[in-house]
PDB file of N, CA and C in Angstrom:
ATOM      1  N   MET A   1      36.848 -14.224  46.832  1.00  0.00           N
ATOM      2  CA  MET A   1      35.931 -13.630  47.782  1.00  0.00           C
ATOM      3  C   MET A   1      36.152 -14.310  49.120  1.00  0.00           C
ATOM      4  N   SER A   2      36.367 -13.538  50.117  1.00  0.00           N
ATOM      5  CA  SER A   2      36.634 -14.112  51.431  1.00  0.00           C
ATOM      6  C   SER A   2      35.317 -14.435  52.140  1.00  0.00           C
ATOM      7  N   PRO A   3      35.341 -15.432  53.016  1.00  0.00           N
ATOM      8  CA  PRO A   3      34.126 -15.793  53.757  1.00  0.00           C
ATOM      9  C   PRO A   3      33.563 -14.630  54.582  1.00  0.00           C
ATOM     10  N   SER A   4      34.413 -13.664  54.916  1.00  0.00           N
ATOM     11  CA  SER A   4      33.937 -12.547  55.730  1.00  0.00           C
ATOM     12  C   SER A   4      33.000 -11.625  54.954  1.00  0.00           C
ATOM     13  N   THR A   5      32.930 -11.762  53.626  1.00  0.00           N
ATOM     14  CA  THR A   5      32.015 -10.927  52.848  1.00  0.00           C
ATOM     15  C   THR A   5      30.595 -11.482  52.867  1.00  0.00           C
ATOM     16  N   LEU A   6      30.438 -12.685  53.410  1.00  0.00           N
ATOM     17  CA  LEU A   6      29.112 -13.269  53.541  1.00  0.00           C
ATOM     18  C   LEU A   6      28.520 -12.866  54.890  1.00  0.00           C
ATOM     19  N   GLN A   7      27.209 -12.667  54.918  1.00  0.00           N
ATOM     20  CA  GLN A   7      26.529 -12.341  56.163  1.00  0.00           C
ATOM     21  C   GLN A   7      25.499 -13.431  56.442  1.00  0.00           C
ATOM     22  N   TYR A   8      25.529 -13.961  57.642  1.00  0.00           N
ATOM     23  CA  TYR A   8      24.619 -15.032  58.016  1.00  0.00           C
ATOM     24  C   TYR A   8      23.490 -14.483  58.868  1.00  0.00           C
ATOM     25  N   ILE A   9      22.292 -14.972  58.627  1.00  0.00           N
ATOM     26  CA  ILE A   9      21.120 -14.571  59.398  1.00  0.00           C
ATOM     27  C   ILE A   9      20.664 -15.796  60.185  1.00  0.00           C
ATOM     28  N   SER A  10      20.547 -15.630  61.490  1.00  0.00           N
ATOM     29  CA  SER A  10      20.135 -16.754  62.325  1.00  0.00           C
ATOM     30  C   SER A  10      18.890 -16.391  63.130  1.00  0.00           C
ATOM     31  N   ASP A  11      18.207 -17.443  63.593  1.00  0.00           N
ATOM     32  CA  ASP A  11      17.016 -17.217  64.403  1.00  0.00           C
ATOM     33  C   ASP A  11      17.418 -17.039  65.868  1.00  0.00           C
ATOM     34  N   GLU A  12      16.413 -16.943  66.725  1.00  0.00           N
ATOM     35  CA  GLU A  12      16.675 -16.679  68.144  1.00  0.00           C
ATOM     36  C   GLU A  12      17.436 -17.799  68.841  1.00  0.00           C
ATOM     37  N   THR A  13      17.451 -19.006  68.242  1.00  0.00           N
ATOM     38  CA  THR A  13      18.203 -20.114  68.841  1.00  0.00           C
ATOM     39  C   THR A  13      19.625 -20.195  68.297  1.00  0.00           C
ATOM     40  N   GLY A  14      19.956 -19.327  67.354  1.00  0.00           N
ATOM     41  CA  GLY A  14      21.296 -19.336  66.771  1.00  0.00           C
ATOM     42  C   GLY A  14      21.427 -20.189  65.515  1.00  0.00           C
ATOM     43  N   GLU A  15      20.330 -20.813  65.087  1.00  0.00           N
ATOM     44  CA  GLU A  15      20.372 -21.630  63.868  1.00  0.00           C
ATOM     45  C   GLU A  15      20.394 -20.717  62.642  1.00  0.00           C
ATOM     46  N   VAL A  16      21.377 -20.945  61.767  1.00  0.00           N
ATOM     47  CA  VAL A  16      21.498 -20.128  60.560  1.00  0.00           C
ATOM     48  C   VAL A  16      20.329 -20.433  59.634  1.00  0.00           C
ATOM     49  N   LYS A  17      19.645 -19.388  59.185  1.00  0.00           N
ATOM     50  CA  LYS A  17      18.457 -19.525  58.344  1.00  0.00           C
ATOM     51  C   LYS A  17      18.669 -18.979  56.939  1.00  0.00           C
ATOM     52  N   ALA A  18      19.635 -18.085  56.767  1.00  0.00           N
ATOM     53  CA  ALA A  18      19.848 -17.469  55.451  1.00  0.00           C
ATOM     54  C   ALA A  18      21.255 -16.894  55.378  1.00  0.00           C
ATOM     55  N   VAL A  19      21.653 -16.559  54.154  1.00  0.00           N
ATOM     56  CA  VAL A  19      22.958 -15.946  53.921  1.00  0.00           C
ATOM     57  C   VAL A  19      22.769 -14.769  52.971  1.00  0.00           C
ATOM     58  N   ILE A  20      23.433 -13.678  53.251  1.00  0.00           N
ATOM     59  CA  ILE A  20      23.458 -12.530  52.340  1.00  0.00           C
ATOM     60  C   ILE A  20      24.815 -12.555  51.653  1.00  0.00           C
ATOM     61  N   VAL A  21      24.779 -12.545  50.305  1.00  0.00           N
ATOM     62  CA  VAL A  21      26.027 -12.580  49.538  1.00  0.00           C
ATOM     63  C   VAL A  21      26.141 -11.314  48.697  1.00  0.00           C
ATOM     64  N   PRO A  22      27.351 -10.883  48.390  1.00  0.00           N
ATOM     65  CA  PRO A  22      27.525  -9.713  47.525  1.00  0.00           C
ATOM     66  C   PRO A  22      26.898  -9.981  46.149  1.00  0.00           C
ATOM     67  N   ILE A  23      26.362  -8.945  45.532  1.00  0.00           N
ATOM     68  CA  ILE A  23      25.653  -9.090  44.259  1.00  0.00           C
ATOM     69  C   ILE A  23      26.547  -9.693  43.177  1.00  0.00           C
ATOM     70  N   GLU A  24      27.838  -9.374  43.173  1.00  0.00           N
ATOM     71  CA  GLU A  24      28.744  -9.927  42.159  1.00  0.00           C
ATOM     72  C   GLU A  24      28.801 -11.451  42.267  1.00  0.00           C
ATOM     73  N   LEU A  25      28.872 -11.939  43.491  1.00  0.00           N
ATOM     74  CA  LEU A  25      28.907 -13.380  43.708  1.00  0.00           C
ATOM     75  C   LEU A  25      27.578 -14.003  43.307  1.00  0.00           C
ATOM     76  N   TRP A  26      26.475 -13.358  43.650  1.00  0.00           N
ATOM     77  CA  TRP A  26      25.161 -13.883  43.294  1.00  0.00           C
ATOM     78  C   TRP A  26      25.017 -13.989  41.776  1.00  0.00           C
ATOM     79  N   ARG A  27      25.471 -12.972  41.041  1.00  0.00           N
ATOM     80  CA  ARG A  27      25.373 -13.006  39.573  1.00  0.00           C
ATOM     81  C   ARG A  27      26.215 -14.136  38.996  1.00  0.00           C
ATOM     82  N   GLU A  28      27.377 -14.371  39.579  1.00  0.00           N
ATOM     83  CA  GLU A  28      28.237 -15.463  39.137  1.00  0.00           C
ATOM     84  C   GLU A  28      27.547 -16.811  39.376  1.00  0.00           C
ATOM     85  N   ILE A  29      26.941 -16.968  40.540  1.00  0.00           N
ATOM     86  CA  ILE A  29      26.234 -18.212  40.861  1.00  0.00           C
ATOM     87  C   ILE A  29      25.072 -18.421  39.892  1.00  0.00           C
ATOM     88  N   GLU A  30      24.295 -17.381  39.649  1.00  0.00           N
ATOM     89  CA  GLU A  30      23.165 -17.483  38.722  1.00  0.00           C
ATOM     90  C   GLU A  30      23.630 -17.846  37.317  1.00  0.00           C
ATOM     91  N   SER A  31      24.722 -17.239  36.871  1.00  0.00           N
ATOM     92  CA  SER A  31      25.256 -17.532  35.542  1.00  0.00           C
ATOM     93  C   SER A  31      25.683 -18.992  35.435  1.00  0.00           C
ATOM     94  N   GLU A  32      26.347 -19.488  36.463  1.00  0.00           N
ATOM     95  CA  GLU A  32      26.780 -20.885  36.458  1.00  0.00           C
ATOM     96  C   GLU A  32      25.581 -21.830  36.466  1.00  0.00           C
ATOM     97  N   LYS A  33      24.538 -21.487  37.213  1.00  0.00           N
ATOM     98  CA  LYS A  33      23.329 -22.312  37.242  1.00  0.00           C
ATOM     99  C   LYS A  33      22.658 -22.332  35.872  1.00  0.00           C
ATOM    100  N   GLU A  34      22.590 -21.176  35.214  1.00  0.00           N
ATOM    101  CA  GLU A  34      21.967 -21.100  33.899  1.00  0.00           C
ATOM    102  C   GLU A  34      22.755 -21.910  32.880  1.00  0.00           C
ATOM    103  N   THR A  35      24.078 -21.795  32.919  1.00  0.00           N
ATOM    104  CA  THR A  35      24.920 -22.564  31.998  1.00  0.00           C
ATOM    105  C   THR A  35      24.748 -24.056  32.232  1.00  0.00           C
ATOM    106  N   ALA A  36      24.735 -24.477  33.481  1.00  0.00           N
ATOM    107  CA  ALA A  36      24.545 -25.896  33.796  1.00  0.00           C
ATOM    108  C   ALA A  36      23.201 -26.383  33.275  1.00  0.00           C
ATOM    109  N   TYR A  37      22.159 -25.559  33.420  1.00  0.00           N
ATOM    110  CA  TYR A  37      20.833 -25.927  32.925  1.00  0.00           C
ATOM    111  C   TYR A  37      20.861 -26.095  31.406  1.00  0.00           C
ATOM    112  N   LEU A  38      21.473 -25.141  30.714  1.00  0.00           N
ATOM    113  CA  LEU A  38      21.528 -25.213  29.255  1.00  0.00           C
ATOM    114  C   LEU A  38      22.333 -26.410  28.776  1.00  0.00           C
ATOM    115  N   LEU A  39      23.388 -26.755  29.512  1.00  0.00           N
ATOM    116  CA  LEU A  39      24.231 -27.874  29.107  1.00  0.00           C
ATOM    117  C   LEU A  39      23.544 -29.232  29.293  1.00  0.00           C
ATOM    118  N   GLU A  40      22.430 -29.263  30.004  1.00  0.00           N
ATOM    119  CA  GLU A  40      21.682 -30.507  30.158  1.00  0.00           C
ATOM    120  C   GLU A  40      21.052 -30.937  28.837  1.00  0.00           C
ATOM    121  N   SER A  41      20.790 -29.978  27.967  1.00  0.00           N
ATOM    122  CA  SER A  41      20.193 -30.261  26.666  1.00  0.00           C
ATOM    123  C   SER A  41      21.315 -30.492  25.653  1.00  0.00           C
ATOM    124  N   VAL A  42      21.245 -31.626  24.934  1.00  0.00           N
ATOM    125  CA  VAL A  42      22.267 -31.946  23.930  1.00  0.00           C
ATOM    126  C   VAL A  42      22.301 -30.868  22.849  1.00  0.00           C
ATOM    127  N   VAL A  43      21.122 -30.410  22.434  1.00  0.00           N
ATOM    128  CA  VAL A  43      21.037 -29.398  21.378  1.00  0.00           C
ATOM    129  C   VAL A  43      21.652 -28.081  21.852  1.00  0.00           C
ATOM    130  N   MET A  44      21.283 -27.632  23.062  1.00  0.00           N
ATOM    131  CA  MET A  44      21.821 -26.369  23.569  1.00  0.00           C
ATOM    132  C   MET A  44      23.316 -26.476  23.827  1.00  0.00           C
ATOM    133  N   LYS A  45      23.774 -27.622  24.297  1.00  0.00           N
ATOM    134  CA  LYS A  45      25.203 -27.814  24.526  1.00  0.00           C
ATOM    135  C   LYS A  45      25.965 -27.646  23.220  1.00  0.00           C
ATOM    136  N   LYS A  46      25.449 -28.237  22.140  1.00  0.00           N
ATOM    137  CA  LYS A  46      26.104 -28.107  20.832  1.00  0.00           C
ATOM    138  C   LYS A  46      26.105 -26.646  20.384  1.00  0.00           C
ATOM    139  N   ARG A  47      24.961 -25.968  20.546  1.00  0.00           N
ATOM    140  CA  ARG A  47      24.880 -24.553  20.145  1.00  0.00           C
ATOM    141  C   ARG A  47      25.870 -23.694  20.926  1.00  0.00           C
ATOM    142  N   LEU A  48      25.959 -23.911  22.235  1.00  0.00           N
ATOM    143  CA  LEU A  48      26.889 -23.129  23.056  1.00  0.00           C
ATOM    144  C   LEU A  48      28.338 -23.381  22.654  1.00  0.00           C
ATOM    145  N   LEU A  49      28.674 -24.642  22.432  1.00  0.00           N
ATOM    146  CA  LEU A  49      30.049 -24.964  22.040  1.00  0.00           C
ATOM    147  C   LEU A  49      30.366 -24.417  20.655  1.00  0.00           C
ATOM    148  N   ASP A  50      29.400 -24.490  19.737  1.00  0.00           N
ATOM    149  CA  ASP A  50      29.605 -23.910  18.404  1.00  0.00           C
ATOM    150  C   ASP A  50      29.842 -22.406  18.495  1.00  0.00           C
ATOM    151  N   ALA A  51      29.036 -21.731  19.308  1.00  0.00           N
ATOM    152  CA  ALA A  51      29.183 -20.280  19.469  1.00  0.00           C
ATOM    153  C   ALA A  51      30.527 -19.941  20.107  1.00  0.00           C
ATOM    154  N   LYS A  52      30.928 -20.740  21.088  1.00  0.00           N
ATOM    155  CA  LYS A  52      32.208 -20.496  21.765  1.00  0.00           C
ATOM    156  C   LYS A  52      33.378 -20.637  20.802  1.00  0.00           C
ATOM    157  N   ASN A  53      33.286 -21.599  19.899  1.00  0.00           N
ATOM    158  CA  ASN A  53      34.395 -21.885  18.985  1.00  0.00           C
ATOM    159  C   ASN A  53      34.326 -21.097  17.681  1.00  0.00           C
ATOM    160  N   ARG A  54      33.254 -20.335  17.489  1.00  0.00           N
ATOM    161  CA  ARG A  54      33.101 -19.557  16.266  1.00  0.00           C
ATOM    162  C   ARG A  54      34.199 -18.501  16.193  1.00  0.00           C
ATOM    163  N   GLU A  55      34.800 -18.391  15.019  1.00  0.00           N
ATOM    164  CA  GLU A  55      35.895 -17.431  14.854  1.00  0.00           C
ATOM    165  C   GLU A  55      35.492 -16.217  14.046  1.00  0.00           C
ATOM    166  N   GLU A  56      34.339 -16.264  13.425  1.00  0.00           N
ATOM    167  CA  GLU A  56      33.898 -15.105  12.670  1.00  0.00           C
ATOM    168  C   GLU A  56      32.512 -14.703  13.137  1.00  0.00           C
ATOM    169  N   GLY A  57      32.165 -13.484  12.912  1.00  0.00           N
ATOM    170  CA  GLY A  57      30.874 -12.987  13.363  1.00  0.00           C
ATOM    171  C   GLY A  57      30.318 -11.982  12.392  1.00  0.00           C
ATOM    172  N   ILE A  58      29.267 -11.323  12.820  1.00  0.00           N
ATOM    173  CA  ILE A  58      28.614 -10.297  12.006  1.00  0.00           C
ATOM    174  C   ILE A  58      28.836  -8.964  12.709  1.00  0.00           C
ATOM    175  N   PRO A  59      29.302  -7.971  11.985  1.00  0.00           N
ATOM    176  CA  PRO A  59      29.495  -6.653  12.596  1.00  0.00           C
ATOM    177  C   PRO A  59      28.176  -6.101  13.151  1.00  0.00           C
ATOM    178  N   LEU A  60      28.255  -5.382  14.232  1.00  0.00           N
ATOM    179  CA  LEU A  60      27.079  -4.818  14.890  1.00  0.00           C
ATOM    180  C   LEU A  60      26.246  -3.975  13.922  1.00  0.00           C
ATOM    181  N   GLU A  61      26.907  -3.219  13.057  1.00  0.00           N
ATOM    182  CA  GLU A  61      26.184  -2.372  12.105  1.00  0.00           C
ATOM    183  C   GLU A  61      25.321  -3.212  11.170  1.00  0.00           C
ATOM    184  N   VAL A  62      25.827  -4.365  10.748  1.00  0.00           N
ATOM    185  CA  VAL A  62      25.079  -5.254   9.860  1.00  0.00           C
ATOM    186  C   VAL A  62      23.860  -5.816  10.590  1.00  0.00           C
ATOM    187  N   VAL A  63      24.050  -6.203  11.844  1.00  0.00           N
ATOM    188  CA  VAL A  63      22.952  -6.733  12.651  1.00  0.00           C
ATOM    189  C   VAL A  63      21.866  -5.677  12.810  1.00  0.00           C
ATOM    190  N   ARG A  64      22.258  -4.465  13.117  1.00  0.00           N
ATOM    191  CA  ARG A  64      21.288  -3.373  13.279  1.00  0.00           C
ATOM    192  C   ARG A  64      20.509  -3.139  11.979  1.00  0.00           C
ATOM    193  N   GLU A  65      21.226  -3.172  10.867  1.00  0.00           N
ATOM    194  CA  GLU A  65      20.578  -2.965   9.571  1.00  0.00           C
ATOM    195  C   GLU A  65      19.562  -4.090   9.300  1.00  0.00           C
ATOM    196  N   LYS A  66      19.955  -5.325   9.570  1.00  0.00           N
ATOM    197  CA  LYS A  66      19.046  -6.457   9.342  1.00  0.00           C
ATOM    198  C   LYS A  66      17.825  -6.382  10.242  1.00  0.00           C
ATOM    199  N   LEU A  67      18.005  -5.892  11.468  1.00  0.00           N
ATOM    200  CA  LEU A  67      16.898  -5.769  12.402  1.00  0.00           C
ATOM    201  C   LEU A  67      16.092  -4.488  12.201  1.00  0.00           C
ATOM    202  N   GLY A  68      16.626  -3.599  11.401  1.00  0.00           N
ATOM    203  CA  GLY A  68      15.932  -2.332  11.157  1.00  0.00           C
ATOM    204  C   GLY A  68      16.006  -1.368  12.309  1.00  0.00           C
ATOM    205  N   ILE A  69      17.101  -1.416  13.047  1.00  0.00           N
ATOM    206  CA  ILE A  69      17.240  -0.492  14.185  1.00  0.00           C
ATOM    207  C   ILE A  69      18.469   0.376  14.019  1.00  0.00           C
TER     208      ILE A  69
END
């Protein structure tokens, strides 16, 4: 993402007060913040790493059946 995709909002003196960013970038930032927050917890960090390294799963149809949907 190039810096030109950002929009700066300044006051009457020219001091920058805010930035407008594309929604894709904002979602990426939010996702990274959420992951960092979760990784602060030893338990959540283990759960995330276990899920990342899991090689088998449950088919969607089985999940739906178990949930009754």
